[in-house]
C-alpha cells in the first residue's frame, strides 16, 4: 500500500491523470485475468475508485470496452461507473478510472456455487466479450444467485 509517499514508479504511471493529486491511498491489486495494472484508490475526500492502467497499444480496445461498460451501466447492469478515460504516462499508457465496486471476487465465490451455476456464470467467458464486461456479468450473476438463495432461505424459514 502506498499512502502519500508514492514510489517514483507509481507516480510516473499516474502522471497525466486528472485528480491524481487528491489520491491519498493507492493499493496495487494483483488479481484478475487482465494484464492491466490495477489500483484501489482513495481520495482526500474519501471517494473510493478503481484505476486501471494499460499500455497505449491497447487504447482502441480499452476505448471500446469502456463504451460497452458505459452502456451496461446506463441500462441498469450492476457494474462500476466509468468516471474518466484517457492517456497518462506521457502518452505511453491509457487509464480507466471507475467507481469502486464492493463485492466478492469471482474466483473466491465460484467454488461455493453448484456445478450448473458455475457453468452458467462461466459461459460468457467462452464468447468474444471484453474481460471487464465478462467480469461485471459474472459478478452480477453471482450476486443474483446469492440474493435468490437468501430470499429462498428466508421464505423457507418463515413457512
Protein backbone atom coordinates (compact mmCIF):
# COMPACT_ATOMS: atom_id res chain seq x y z
CA UNK A 1 0.00 0.00 0.00
CA UNK A 2 1.19 3.47 -0.77
CA UNK A 3 -0.08 6.46 1.20
CA UNK A 4 1.01 9.89 0.07
CA UNK A 5 4.66 8.84 -0.28
CA UNK A 6 4.16 7.03 -3.57
CA UNK A 7 7.14 5.44 -5.28
CA UNK A 8 8.51 7.13 -8.39
CA UNK A 9 7.23 4.21 -10.47
CA UNK A 10 3.67 4.74 -9.15
CA UNK A 11 3.86 8.49 -9.69
CA UNK A 12 5.14 8.04 -13.24
CA UNK A 13 2.37 5.57 -14.05
CA UNK A 14 -0.24 8.06 -12.85
CA UNK A 15 1.18 11.22 -14.38
CA UNK A 16 -1.41 12.94 -16.50
CA UNK A 17 -4.45 11.51 -14.68
CA UNK A 18 -6.73 14.39 -13.69
CA UNK A 19 -7.30 14.46 -9.93
CA UNK A 20 -4.40 12.13 -9.11
CA UNK A 21 -3.05 14.82 -6.78
CA UNK A 22 -6.02 14.02 -4.49
CA UNK A 23 -5.12 10.30 -4.23
CA UNK A 24 -4.15 9.65 -0.61
CA UNK A 25 -4.22 5.85 -0.72
CA UNK A 26 -3.03 3.66 -3.57
CA UNK A 27 -3.04 -0.13 -3.26
CA UNK A 28 -1.91 -2.33 -6.15
CA UNK A 29 -4.42 -5.08 -6.99
CA UNK A 30 -2.74 -8.27 -8.12
CA UNK A 31 -5.87 -10.24 -9.02
CA UNK A 32 -7.81 -10.80 -12.17
CA UNK A 33 -7.18 -12.07 -15.65
CA UNK A 34 -6.11 -8.91 -17.46
CA UNK A 35 -2.60 -7.54 -17.85
CA UNK A 36 -3.79 -4.10 -16.73
CA UNK A 37 -2.10 -2.55 -13.74
CA UNK A 38 -4.94 -2.18 -11.25
CA UNK A 39 -5.07 0.01 -8.15
CA UNK A 40 -7.51 0.62 -5.33
CA UNK A 41 -7.61 4.40 -4.86
CA UNK A 42 -8.92 6.59 -2.07
CA UNK A 43 -9.05 10.35 -2.44
CA UNK A 44 -8.67 13.07 0.18
CA UNK A 45 -12.48 13.41 0.35
CA UNK A 46 -12.97 9.65 0.93
CA UNK A 47 -14.02 8.61 -2.56
CA UNK A 48 -13.05 5.03 -3.46
CA UNK A 49 -12.13 4.15 -7.04
CA UNK A 50 -10.53 1.54 -9.24
CA UNK A 51 -7.73 2.71 -11.52
CA UNK A 52 -6.74 0.52 -14.46
CA UNK A 53 -3.60 1.44 -16.42
CA UNK A 54 -2.85 -0.25 -19.73
CA UNK A 55 -0.18 0.04 -22.42
CA UNK A 56 -1.06 2.52 -25.17
CA UNK A 57 -1.18 -0.32 -27.71
CA UNK A 58 -4.48 -1.34 -26.06
CA UNK A 59 -6.08 2.11 -26.37
CA UNK A 60 -8.67 1.25 -29.05
CA UNK A 61 -9.66 -1.99 -27.31
CA UNK A 62 -9.96 -0.20 -23.95
CA UNK A 63 -12.00 2.59 -25.51
CA UNK A 64 -14.46 0.05 -26.95
CA UNK A 65 -14.53 -1.89 -23.66
CA UNK A 66 -15.31 1.30 -21.74
CA UNK A 67 -18.12 2.20 -24.15
CA UNK A 68 -19.66 -1.24 -23.52
CA UNK A 69 -19.34 -0.77 -19.76
CA UNK A 70 -20.98 2.67 -20.01
CA UNK A 71 -23.90 1.18 -21.97
CA UNK A 72 -24.22 -1.65 -19.44
CA UNK A 73 -24.19 0.82 -16.54
CA UNK A 74 -26.73 3.09 -18.26
CA UNK A 75 -29.08 0.15 -18.81
CA UNK A 76 -29.00 -0.81 -15.13
CA UNK A 77 -26.45 -3.63 -15.16
CA UNK A 78 -24.68 -3.90 -11.81
CA UNK A 79 -21.27 -2.66 -12.92
CA UNK A 80 -18.86 0.09 -11.87
CA UNK A 81 -19.44 3.52 -13.38
CA UNK A 82 -16.69 4.83 -15.65
CA UNK A 83 -15.55 8.18 -14.25
CA UNK A 84 -12.75 9.03 -16.67
CA UNK A 85 -10.72 7.55 -19.50
CA UNK A 86 -7.69 8.95 -21.23
CA UNK A 87 -3.95 8.95 -21.73
CA UNK A 88 -1.34 9.03 -18.98
CA UNK A 89 2.37 8.43 -18.51
CA UNK A 90 3.27 10.95 -21.23
CA UNK A 91 1.05 9.15 -23.76
CA UNK A 92 2.67 5.75 -23.17
CA UNK A 93 -0.38 4.32 -21.40
CA UNK A 94 -4.12 4.76 -21.11
CA UNK A 95 -6.19 4.63 -17.96
CA UNK A 96 -9.74 3.96 -16.88
CA UNK A 97 -10.93 5.36 -13.58
CA UNK A 98 -14.06 3.69 -12.21
CA UNK A 99 -16.17 3.89 -9.10
CA UNK A 100 -15.11 1.24 -6.62
CA UNK A 101 -17.38 -1.80 -6.82
CA UNK A 102 -17.77 -3.56 -3.47
CA UNK A 103 -18.25 -7.25 -3.79
CA UNK A 104 -16.53 -10.56 -3.88
CA UNK A 105 -14.05 -11.79 -6.46
CA UNK A 106 -15.46 -14.30 -8.91
CA UNK A 107 -12.51 -16.58 -8.14
CA UNK A 108 -13.49 -16.68 -4.44
CA UNK A 109 -17.26 -17.00 -4.90
CA UNK A 110 -17.27 -19.56 -7.71
CA UNK A 111 -16.24 -22.62 -5.64
CA UNK A 112 -19.29 -22.12 -3.37
CA UNK A 113 -21.71 -22.45 -6.28
CA UNK A 114 -23.16 -25.62 -7.75
CA UNK A 115 -21.68 -27.03 -10.94
CA UNK A 116 -24.65 -25.83 -13.03
CA UNK A 117 -24.42 -22.33 -11.53
CA UNK A 118 -20.69 -22.24 -12.31
CA UNK A 119 -21.37 -23.30 -15.89
CA UNK A 120 -23.98 -20.55 -16.31
CA UNK A 121 -21.60 -17.93 -14.94
CA UNK A 122 -18.56 -19.05 -16.94
CA UNK A 123 -20.45 -19.44 -20.24
CA UNK A 124 -19.79 -15.83 -21.37
CA UNK A 125 -16.04 -16.42 -20.91
CA UNK A 126 -16.18 -18.65 -23.96
CA UNK A 127 -17.68 -15.85 -26.03
CA UNK A 128 -15.87 -12.89 -27.57
CA UNK A 129 -16.57 -10.30 -24.87
CA UNK A 130 -14.27 -7.89 -23.10
CA UNK A 131 -12.76 -9.17 -19.82
CA UNK A 132 -14.22 -6.26 -17.85
CA UNK A 133 -17.73 -6.84 -19.17
CA UNK A 134 -17.42 -10.61 -18.57
CA UNK A 135 -16.28 -9.94 -15.01
CA UNK A 136 -19.15 -7.50 -14.39
CA UNK A 137 -21.61 -10.02 -15.85
CA UNK A 138 -20.19 -12.78 -13.65
CA UNK A 139 -20.30 -10.63 -10.52
CA UNK A 140 -23.89 -9.65 -11.28
CA UNK A 141 -24.97 -13.28 -11.78
CA UNK A 142 -23.21 -14.40 -8.58
CA UNK A 143 -24.91 -11.56 -6.69
CA UNK A 144 -28.30 -12.60 -8.07
CA UNK A 145 -27.73 -16.26 -7.20
CA UNK A 146 -26.74 -15.44 -3.61
CA UNK A 147 -29.65 -12.99 -3.29
CA UNK A 148 -32.11 -15.60 -4.53
CA UNK A 149 -30.64 -18.19 -2.16
CA UNK A 150 -31.01 -15.74 0.74
CA UNK A 151 -34.60 -14.91 -0.19
CA UNK A 152 -35.41 -18.61 -0.61
CA UNK A 153 -33.86 -19.32 2.80
CA UNK A 154 -35.89 -16.54 4.42
CA UNK A 155 -39.07 -17.76 2.72
CA UNK A 156 -38.43 -21.38 3.79
CA UNK A 157 -37.72 -20.41 7.40
CA UNK A 158 -40.98 -18.40 7.57
CA UNK A 159 -43.12 -21.29 6.31
